Amino acid sequence: MKIETIILASAIILTGLMAGIFFTWSNAVKPGIGKLSDIEYLRALQSMNRVILNNAFRIIFLGSIIAVALVPVFYFNLYPKNIFWLFVFTLVIYWIGVFGVTVSGNIPLNEILDKTNLESITLEEIKTLRKSIELKWNNYNLIRCISSGITFILLIVSFLSLYK
């Protein structure tokens, strides 16, 4: 098997895993914890954000970013064909919609929550903190879910058109 095929297959698998993670957060985790009281919601989100920062998640997240970036590099021989531009398009979608949104949107909100000692703030501060995080975080995650899903589908379509 050629290295470019391995990279494309890796990009498909890793973006699919990320799309699944973002989909699960959007469709089960966040709606579920959204029903909790303000303090329970913040505790749950704080705990989950801390737990998800593990080696498996890091490998999948960073691996997907690297694999998606390598696909157009290793398929540059297809330039200027449409399939090459499709790979470039998937790179842009993924890097902006997943990596960019994560770094500029979700991580700063997670850091605000992580630095907060929930046991030492008032009920009003708890309510304000939830309001300042919940909707923004959910919207950023929806962007990541859609972007990773589109990337996943486009990579599969590309793979099928290349290896039919």
N, C-alpha and C. Protein backbone atom coordinates (compact mmCIF):
# COMPACT_ATOMS: atom_id res chain seq x y z
N MET A 1 0.85 -1.17 0.00
CA MET A 1 0.00 0.00 0.00
C MET A 1 0.90 1.24 0.00
N LYS A 2 0.52 2.22 -0.78
CA LYS A 2 1.31 3.44 -0.90
C LYS A 2 1.10 4.33 0.32
N ILE A 3 2.12 5.14 0.60
CA ILE A 3 2.06 6.04 1.76
C ILE A 3 0.89 7.01 1.65
N GLU A 4 0.62 7.52 0.45
CA GLU A 4 -0.49 8.48 0.31
C GLU A 4 -1.84 7.82 0.60
N THR A 5 -1.97 6.55 0.27
CA THR A 5 -3.21 5.83 0.58
C THR A 5 -3.36 5.66 2.09
N ILE A 6 -2.27 5.36 2.76
CA ILE A 6 -2.28 5.22 4.22
C ILE A 6 -2.64 6.55 4.88
N ILE A 7 -2.07 7.64 4.37
CA ILE A 7 -2.37 8.96 4.93
C ILE A 7 -3.83 9.32 4.71
N LEU A 8 -4.35 9.08 3.51
CA LEU A 8 -5.76 9.38 3.24
C LEU A 8 -6.67 8.52 4.11
N ALA A 9 -6.37 7.24 4.23
CA ALA A 9 -7.18 6.36 5.09
C ALA A 9 -7.11 6.81 6.54
N SER A 10 -5.93 7.22 6.98
CA SER A 10 -5.77 7.72 8.36
C SER A 10 -6.59 8.99 8.56
N ALA A 11 -6.57 9.88 7.58
CA ALA A 11 -7.35 11.12 7.68
C ALA A 11 -8.84 10.80 7.78
N ILE A 12 -9.28 9.83 7.00
CA ILE A 12 -10.70 9.44 7.04
C ILE A 12 -11.06 8.88 8.42
N ILE A 13 -10.26 7.97 8.92
CA ILE A 13 -10.54 7.35 10.22
C ILE A 13 -10.51 8.39 11.34
N LEU A 14 -9.47 9.22 11.35
CA LEU A 14 -9.32 10.19 12.44
C LEU A 14 -10.37 11.29 12.39
N THR A 15 -10.70 11.79 11.19
CA THR A 15 -11.75 12.81 11.12
C THR A 15 -13.11 12.20 11.45
N GLY A 16 -13.30 10.94 11.10
CA GLY A 16 -14.54 10.26 11.47
C GLY A 16 -14.68 10.12 12.98
N LEU A 17 -13.58 9.78 13.64
CA LEU A 17 -13.61 9.71 15.10
C LEU A 17 -13.91 11.07 15.72
N MET A 18 -13.28 12.12 15.19
CA MET A 18 -13.53 13.46 15.73
C MET A 18 -14.97 13.89 15.47
N ALA A 19 -15.47 13.61 14.27
CA ALA A 19 -16.86 13.94 13.96
C ALA A 19 -17.80 13.23 14.94
N GLY A 20 -17.48 11.99 15.25
CA GLY A 20 -18.29 11.23 16.22
C GLY A 20 -18.25 11.84 17.61
N ILE A 21 -17.07 12.28 18.02
CA ILE A 21 -16.95 12.92 19.33
C ILE A 21 -17.78 14.20 19.37
N PHE A 22 -17.62 15.05 18.36
CA PHE A 22 -18.36 16.32 18.35
C PHE A 22 -19.86 16.09 18.23
N PHE A 23 -20.26 15.09 17.44
CA PHE A 23 -21.67 14.76 17.30
C PHE A 23 -22.25 14.30 18.63
N THR A 24 -21.51 13.45 19.32
CA THR A 24 -21.97 12.95 20.62
C THR A 24 -22.13 14.09 21.62
N TRP A 25 -21.15 14.99 21.65
CA TRP A 25 -21.26 16.14 22.55
C TRP A 25 -22.48 16.99 22.20
N SER A 26 -22.70 17.23 20.90
CA SER A 26 -23.82 18.08 20.47
C SER A 26 -25.18 17.44 20.69
N ASN A 27 -25.25 16.14 20.55
CA ASN A 27 -26.55 15.48 20.53
C ASN A 27 -26.90 14.68 21.77
N ALA A 28 -25.95 14.47 22.66
CA ALA A 28 -26.25 13.70 23.87
C ALA A 28 -25.69 14.36 25.12
N VAL A 29 -24.39 14.62 25.12
CA VAL A 29 -23.74 15.12 26.33
C VAL A 29 -24.28 16.49 26.73
N LYS A 30 -24.18 17.46 25.82
CA LYS A 30 -24.58 18.82 26.18
C LYS A 30 -26.09 18.94 26.44
N PRO A 31 -26.95 18.33 25.64
CA PRO A 31 -28.38 18.39 25.99
C PRO A 31 -28.66 17.71 27.34
N GLY A 32 -27.94 16.64 27.63
CA GLY A 32 -28.13 15.95 28.90
C GLY A 32 -27.72 16.80 30.09
N ILE A 33 -26.51 17.34 30.05
CA ILE A 33 -26.08 18.15 31.18
C ILE A 33 -26.76 19.52 31.17
N GLY A 34 -27.32 19.90 30.03
CA GLY A 34 -28.06 21.16 29.96
C GLY A 34 -29.29 21.17 30.86
N LYS A 35 -29.76 20.00 31.24
CA LYS A 35 -30.93 19.88 32.11
C LYS A 35 -30.58 20.01 33.60
N LEU A 36 -29.28 20.04 33.89
CA LEU A 36 -28.84 20.14 35.28
C LEU A 36 -28.94 21.57 35.79
N SER A 37 -28.91 21.71 37.10
CA SER A 37 -28.86 23.05 37.70
C SER A 37 -27.55 23.72 37.29
N ASP A 38 -27.45 25.01 37.50
CA ASP A 38 -26.26 25.76 37.09
C ASP A 38 -24.98 25.18 37.68
N ILE A 39 -24.97 24.93 38.98
CA ILE A 39 -23.75 24.43 39.62
C ILE A 39 -23.45 23.00 39.16
N GLU A 40 -24.49 22.16 39.01
CA GLU A 40 -24.28 20.79 38.54
C GLU A 40 -23.75 20.79 37.11
N TYR A 41 -24.31 21.67 36.29
CA TYR A 41 -23.87 21.79 34.89
C TYR A 41 -22.39 22.16 34.84
N LEU A 42 -22.01 23.20 35.59
CA LEU A 42 -20.62 23.66 35.56
C LEU A 42 -19.67 22.60 36.12
N ARG A 43 -20.07 21.91 37.17
CA ARG A 43 -19.23 20.84 37.71
C ARG A 43 -19.04 19.71 36.68
N ALA A 44 -20.15 19.34 36.05
CA ALA A 44 -20.08 18.26 35.05
C ALA A 44 -19.20 18.65 33.87
N LEU A 45 -19.40 19.86 33.35
CA LEU A 45 -18.60 20.31 32.21
C LEU A 45 -17.13 20.44 32.58
N GLN A 46 -16.88 20.98 33.76
CA GLN A 46 -15.50 21.11 34.24
C GLN A 46 -14.84 19.74 34.34
N SER A 47 -15.55 18.79 34.89
CA SER A 47 -15.01 17.44 35.04
C SER A 47 -14.76 16.78 33.68
N MET A 48 -15.72 16.87 32.77
CA MET A 48 -15.56 16.26 31.45
C MET A 48 -14.43 16.91 30.66
N ASN A 49 -14.31 18.23 30.76
CA ASN A 49 -13.23 18.92 30.05
C ASN A 49 -11.87 18.50 30.57
N ARG A 50 -11.79 18.21 31.84
CA ARG A 50 -10.51 17.75 32.41
C ARG A 50 -10.21 16.31 32.00
N VAL A 51 -11.23 15.47 32.00
CA VAL A 51 -11.04 14.05 31.68
C VAL A 51 -10.71 13.83 30.20
N ILE A 52 -11.29 14.63 29.33
CA ILE A 52 -11.09 14.41 27.89
C ILE A 52 -9.66 14.72 27.45
N LEU A 53 -8.94 15.48 28.25
CA LEU A 53 -7.55 15.80 27.91
C LEU A 53 -6.64 14.63 28.27
N ASN A 54 -6.80 13.56 27.52
CA ASN A 54 -6.01 12.34 27.73
C ASN A 54 -5.24 12.02 26.46
N ASN A 55 -4.34 11.06 26.55
CA ASN A 55 -3.48 10.74 25.40
C ASN A 55 -4.26 10.24 24.19
N ALA A 56 -5.28 9.44 24.40
CA ALA A 56 -6.06 8.93 23.26
C ALA A 56 -6.70 10.08 22.50
N PHE A 57 -7.31 11.02 23.24
CA PHE A 57 -7.94 12.16 22.58
C PHE A 57 -6.90 13.01 21.87
N ARG A 58 -5.79 13.27 22.52
CA ARG A 58 -4.73 14.08 21.91
C ARG A 58 -4.23 13.46 20.61
N ILE A 59 -4.03 12.16 20.61
CA ILE A 59 -3.55 11.46 19.41
C ILE A 59 -4.57 11.59 18.27
N ILE A 60 -5.83 11.38 18.58
CA ILE A 60 -6.87 11.47 17.56
C ILE A 60 -7.02 12.91 17.07
N PHE A 61 -7.06 13.88 17.99
CA PHE A 61 -7.25 15.28 17.61
C PHE A 61 -6.07 15.78 16.79
N LEU A 62 -4.86 15.64 17.33
CA LEU A 62 -3.67 16.12 16.62
C LEU A 62 -3.39 15.29 15.37
N GLY A 63 -3.62 13.99 15.46
CA GLY A 63 -3.42 13.12 14.30
C GLY A 63 -4.33 13.50 13.14
N SER A 64 -5.57 13.85 13.44
CA SER A 64 -6.49 14.25 12.37
C SER A 64 -6.04 15.54 11.71
N ILE A 65 -5.56 16.48 12.51
CA ILE A 65 -5.08 17.75 11.96
C ILE A 65 -3.88 17.52 11.04
N ILE A 66 -2.96 16.69 11.49
CA ILE A 66 -1.76 16.39 10.69
C ILE A 66 -2.13 15.60 9.43
N ALA A 67 -2.95 14.57 9.58
CA ALA A 67 -3.31 13.73 8.43
C ALA A 67 -4.04 14.52 7.35
N VAL A 68 -4.99 15.36 7.77
CA VAL A 68 -5.74 16.17 6.81
C VAL A 68 -4.80 17.14 6.08
N ALA A 69 -3.80 17.66 6.79
CA ALA A 69 -2.83 18.57 6.17
C ALA A 69 -1.91 17.83 5.20
N LEU A 70 -1.60 16.58 5.49
CA LEU A 70 -0.69 15.81 4.64
C LEU A 70 -1.34 15.30 3.36
N VAL A 71 -2.65 15.15 3.36
CA VAL A 71 -3.33 14.59 2.19
C VAL A 71 -3.04 15.40 0.92
N PRO A 72 -3.27 16.73 0.90
CA PRO A 72 -2.97 17.45 -0.35
C PRO A 72 -1.48 17.45 -0.70
N VAL A 73 -0.62 17.36 0.30
CA VAL A 73 0.82 17.31 0.04
C VAL A 73 1.16 16.01 -0.70
N PHE A 74 0.65 14.90 -0.22
CA PHE A 74 0.98 13.61 -0.82
C PHE A 74 0.20 13.32 -2.11
N TYR A 75 -0.85 14.09 -2.35
CA TYR A 75 -1.59 13.94 -3.60
C TYR A 75 -1.38 15.14 -4.53
N PHE A 76 -0.28 15.86 -4.33
CA PHE A 76 0.00 17.03 -5.16
C PHE A 76 0.15 16.64 -6.63
N ASN A 77 0.52 15.40 -6.88
CA ASN A 77 0.66 14.93 -8.26
C ASN A 77 -0.67 15.02 -9.03
N LEU A 78 -1.77 15.17 -8.32
CA LEU A 78 -3.08 15.31 -8.96
C LEU A 78 -3.39 16.75 -9.38
N TYR A 79 -2.55 17.69 -8.93
CA TYR A 79 -2.75 19.09 -9.31
C TYR A 79 -2.69 19.22 -10.81
N PRO A 80 -3.51 19.95 -11.49
CA PRO A 80 -4.60 20.82 -11.05
C PRO A 80 -5.98 20.16 -11.11
N LYS A 81 -6.06 18.85 -11.04
CA LYS A 81 -7.36 18.17 -11.13
C LYS A 81 -8.25 18.54 -9.95
N ASN A 82 -9.55 18.39 -10.15
CA ASN A 82 -10.53 18.75 -9.12
C ASN A 82 -10.31 18.02 -7.81
N ILE A 83 -9.88 16.78 -7.88
CA ILE A 83 -9.69 15.99 -6.65
C ILE A 83 -8.64 16.63 -5.75
N PHE A 84 -7.60 17.20 -6.35
CA PHE A 84 -6.58 17.89 -5.55
C PHE A 84 -7.22 19.07 -4.83
N TRP A 85 -8.03 19.85 -5.55
CA TRP A 85 -8.67 21.02 -4.93
C TRP A 85 -9.68 20.59 -3.87
N LEU A 86 -10.27 19.44 -4.04
CA LEU A 86 -11.16 18.91 -3.00
C LEU A 86 -10.37 18.63 -1.73
N PHE A 87 -9.17 18.09 -1.88
CA PHE A 87 -8.31 17.86 -0.71
C PHE A 87 -7.93 19.18 -0.03
N VAL A 88 -7.63 20.19 -0.83
CA VAL A 88 -7.30 21.51 -0.27
C VAL A 88 -8.52 22.07 0.45
N PHE A 89 -9.69 21.92 -0.15
CA PHE A 89 -10.93 22.40 0.45
C PHE A 89 -11.19 21.72 1.80
N THR A 90 -10.98 20.40 1.85
CA THR A 90 -11.19 19.69 3.12
C THR A 90 -10.19 20.17 4.17
N LEU A 91 -8.98 20.45 3.75
CA LEU A 91 -7.97 20.99 4.68
C LEU A 91 -8.43 22.32 5.26
N VAL A 92 -8.91 23.21 4.42
CA VAL A 92 -9.37 24.53 4.87
C VAL A 92 -10.56 24.38 5.82
N ILE A 93 -11.53 23.57 5.43
CA ILE A 93 -12.71 23.35 6.29
C ILE A 93 -12.28 22.83 7.65
N TYR A 94 -11.43 21.83 7.66
CA TYR A 94 -11.05 21.19 8.92
C TYR A 94 -10.20 22.11 9.78
N TRP A 95 -9.23 22.76 9.16
CA TRP A 95 -8.34 23.61 9.95
C TRP A 95 -9.06 24.83 10.51
N ILE A 96 -9.98 25.40 9.76
CA ILE A 96 -10.73 26.55 10.28
C ILE A 96 -11.86 26.08 11.19
N GLY A 97 -12.68 25.15 10.69
CA GLY A 97 -13.89 24.75 11.41
C GLY A 97 -13.68 23.86 12.60
N VAL A 98 -12.56 23.15 12.65
CA VAL A 98 -12.28 22.27 13.80
C VAL A 98 -11.12 22.83 14.62
N PHE A 99 -9.96 22.87 14.03
CA PHE A 99 -8.77 23.33 14.77
C PHE A 99 -8.91 24.80 15.19
N GLY A 100 -9.25 25.67 14.24
CA GLY A 100 -9.37 27.10 14.54
C GLY A 100 -10.42 27.40 15.58
N VAL A 101 -11.59 26.78 15.42
CA VAL A 101 -12.69 27.00 16.38
C VAL A 101 -12.32 26.43 17.75
N THR A 102 -11.68 25.29 17.78
CA THR A 102 -11.26 24.71 19.06
C THR A 102 -10.30 25.63 19.79
N VAL A 103 -9.27 26.08 19.08
CA VAL A 103 -8.23 26.90 19.69
C VAL A 103 -8.74 28.29 20.07
N SER A 104 -9.55 28.90 19.21
CA SER A 104 -9.98 30.27 19.48
C SER A 104 -11.32 30.36 20.21
N GLY A 105 -12.08 29.27 20.24
CA GLY A 105 -13.40 29.31 20.87
C GLY A 105 -13.55 28.41 22.08
N ASN A 106 -13.50 27.10 21.87
CA ASN A 106 -13.77 26.17 22.95
C ASN A 106 -12.70 26.17 24.04
N ILE A 107 -11.43 26.16 23.65
CA ILE A 107 -10.37 26.10 24.66
C ILE A 107 -10.39 27.31 25.59
N PRO A 108 -10.53 28.54 25.08
CA PRO A 108 -10.61 29.67 26.03
C PRO A 108 -11.78 29.55 27.02
N LEU A 109 -12.92 29.07 26.55
CA LEU A 109 -14.05 28.88 27.46
C LEU A 109 -13.75 27.78 28.47
N ASN A 110 -13.13 26.69 28.01
CA ASN A 110 -12.75 25.61 28.92
C ASN A 110 -11.76 26.10 29.98
N GLU A 111 -10.83 26.96 29.56
CA GLU A 111 -9.83 27.48 30.50
C GLU A 111 -10.46 28.39 31.55
N ILE A 112 -11.43 29.20 31.14
CA ILE A 112 -12.14 30.04 32.10
C ILE A 112 -12.80 29.16 33.15
N LEU A 113 -13.49 28.13 32.69
CA LEU A 113 -14.18 27.23 33.61
C LEU A 113 -13.19 26.47 34.48
N ASP A 114 -12.10 26.01 33.89
CA ASP A 114 -11.11 25.22 34.64
C ASP A 114 -10.47 26.02 35.76
N LYS A 115 -10.26 27.31 35.54
CA LYS A 115 -9.60 28.16 36.54
C LYS A 115 -10.55 28.60 37.65
N THR A 116 -11.83 28.33 37.47
CA THR A 116 -12.83 28.78 38.44
C THR A 116 -13.01 27.75 39.55
N ASN A 117 -12.87 28.20 40.78
CA ASN A 117 -13.17 27.35 41.93
C ASN A 117 -14.67 27.48 42.18
N LEU A 118 -15.40 26.49 41.75
CA LEU A 118 -16.86 26.56 41.81
C LEU A 118 -17.40 26.58 43.23
N GLU A 119 -16.59 26.15 44.17
CA GLU A 119 -17.03 26.12 45.57
C GLU A 119 -16.90 27.48 46.24
N SER A 120 -16.19 28.40 45.60
CA SER A 120 -15.94 29.69 46.26
C SER A 120 -16.65 30.87 45.60
N ILE A 121 -17.57 30.59 44.66
CA ILE A 121 -18.28 31.71 44.03
C ILE A 121 -19.76 31.66 44.41
N THR A 122 -20.41 32.81 44.28
CA THR A 122 -21.81 32.93 44.68
C THR A 122 -22.73 32.30 43.64
N LEU A 123 -23.98 32.09 44.03
CA LEU A 123 -24.97 31.54 43.11
C LEU A 123 -25.16 32.44 41.90
N GLU A 124 -25.11 33.74 42.12
CA GLU A 124 -25.24 34.69 41.00
C GLU A 124 -24.05 34.58 40.05
N GLU A 125 -22.86 34.42 40.59
CA GLU A 125 -21.66 34.25 39.76
C GLU A 125 -21.72 32.93 38.99
N ILE A 126 -22.28 31.91 39.62
CA ILE A 126 -22.44 30.61 38.96
C ILE A 126 -23.39 30.74 37.77
N LYS A 127 -24.51 31.42 37.99
CA LYS A 127 -25.49 31.63 36.92
C LYS A 127 -24.87 32.44 35.79
N THR A 128 -24.14 33.48 36.12
CA THR A 128 -23.48 34.33 35.11
C THR A 128 -22.43 33.54 34.34
N LEU A 129 -21.66 32.72 35.04
CA LEU A 129 -20.63 31.92 34.39
C LEU A 129 -21.26 30.94 33.40
N ARG A 130 -22.31 30.29 33.81
CA ARG A 130 -22.98 29.35 32.90
C ARG A 130 -23.49 30.08 31.66
N LYS A 131 -24.13 31.23 31.88
CA LYS A 131 -24.65 32.00 30.74
C LYS A 131 -23.53 32.44 29.80
N SER A 132 -22.37 32.74 30.35
CA SER A 132 -21.26 33.21 29.51
C SER A 132 -20.57 32.08 28.75
N ILE A 133 -20.79 30.84 29.17
CA ILE A 133 -20.10 29.70 28.54
C ILE A 133 -21.03 28.85 27.68
N GLU A 134 -22.19 28.50 28.19
CA GLU A 134 -22.99 27.42 27.60
C GLU A 134 -23.34 27.62 26.13
N LEU A 135 -23.99 28.71 25.79
CA LEU A 135 -24.44 28.90 24.41
C LEU A 135 -23.26 29.03 23.45
N LYS A 136 -22.25 29.80 23.85
CA LYS A 136 -21.06 29.95 22.99
C LYS A 136 -20.40 28.60 22.76
N TRP A 137 -20.19 27.85 23.84
CA TRP A 137 -19.52 26.55 23.73
C TRP A 137 -20.31 25.62 22.82
N ASN A 138 -21.63 25.59 23.00
CA ASN A 138 -22.47 24.72 22.18
C ASN A 138 -22.41 25.12 20.70
N ASN A 139 -22.43 26.42 20.43
CA ASN A 139 -22.36 26.89 19.05
C ASN A 139 -21.01 26.55 18.42
N TYR A 140 -19.94 26.76 19.16
CA TYR A 140 -18.61 26.40 18.65
C TYR A 140 -18.55 24.90 18.37
N ASN A 141 -19.09 24.10 19.26
CA ASN A 141 -19.06 22.66 19.06
C ASN A 141 -19.89 22.24 17.85
N LEU A 142 -21.00 22.92 17.62
CA LEU A 142 -21.82 22.62 16.44
C LEU A 142 -21.03 22.90 15.16
N ILE A 143 -20.28 23.99 15.15
CA ILE A 143 -19.41 24.30 14.00
C ILE A 143 -18.40 23.18 13.81
N ARG A 144 -17.80 22.73 14.90
CA ARG A 144 -16.81 21.64 14.81
C ARG A 144 -17.47 20.35 14.31
N CYS A 145 -18.66 20.07 14.78
CA CYS A 145 -19.39 18.87 14.38
C CYS A 145 -19.67 18.90 12.87
N ILE A 146 -20.19 20.01 12.39
CA ILE A 146 -20.51 20.14 10.96
C ILE A 146 -19.23 20.10 10.12
N SER A 147 -18.21 20.84 10.54
CA SER A 147 -16.96 20.90 9.77
C SER A 147 -16.28 19.54 9.70
N SER A 148 -16.22 18.84 10.81
CA SER A 148 -15.57 17.52 10.80
C SER A 148 -16.42 16.52 10.02
N GLY A 149 -17.73 16.63 10.11
CA GLY A 149 -18.61 15.74 9.34
C GLY A 149 -18.47 15.96 7.84
N ILE A 150 -18.42 17.22 7.42
CA ILE A 150 -18.23 17.53 6.00
C ILE A 150 -16.87 17.02 5.53
N THR A 151 -15.84 17.26 6.33
CA THR A 151 -14.49 16.79 5.98
C THR A 151 -14.49 15.27 5.83
N PHE A 152 -15.07 14.59 6.78
CA PHE A 152 -15.14 13.12 6.75
C PHE A 152 -15.81 12.63 5.47
N ILE A 153 -16.95 13.19 5.14
CA ILE A 153 -17.70 12.78 3.95
C ILE A 153 -16.90 13.07 2.68
N LEU A 154 -16.31 14.27 2.59
CA LEU A 154 -15.54 14.62 1.39
C LEU A 154 -14.31 13.73 1.22
N LEU A 155 -13.68 13.36 2.32
CA LEU A 155 -12.53 12.46 2.23
C LEU A 155 -12.95 11.07 1.77
N ILE A 156 -14.10 10.60 2.24
CA ILE A 156 -14.60 9.30 1.79
C ILE A 156 -14.93 9.34 0.29
N VAL A 157 -15.62 10.40 -0.13
CA VAL A 157 -15.95 10.55 -1.56
C VAL A 157 -14.68 10.60 -2.39
N SER A 158 -13.68 11.32 -1.92
CA SER A 158 -12.40 11.40 -2.63
C SER A 158 -11.74 10.03 -2.72
N PHE A 159 -11.72 9.33 -1.61
CA PHE A 159 -11.13 7.99 -1.59
C PHE A 159 -11.82 7.08 -2.60
N LEU A 160 -13.15 7.09 -2.58
CA LEU A 160 -13.91 6.23 -3.48
C LEU A 160 -13.69 6.60 -4.94
N SER A 161 -13.55 7.89 -5.22
CA SER A 161 -13.33 8.29 -6.62
C SER A 161 -11.92 7.95 -7.08
N LEU A 162 -10.97 7.96 -6.17
CA LEU A 162 -9.58 7.62 -6.52
C LEU A 162 -9.37 6.12 -6.67
N TYR A 163 -10.04 5.34 -5.84
CA TYR A 163 -9.77 3.91 -5.77
C TYR A 163 -10.97 3.05 -6.17
N LYS A 164 -11.69 3.52 -7.18
CA LYS A 164 -12.86 2.74 -7.64
C LYS A 164 -12.44 1.61 -8.54
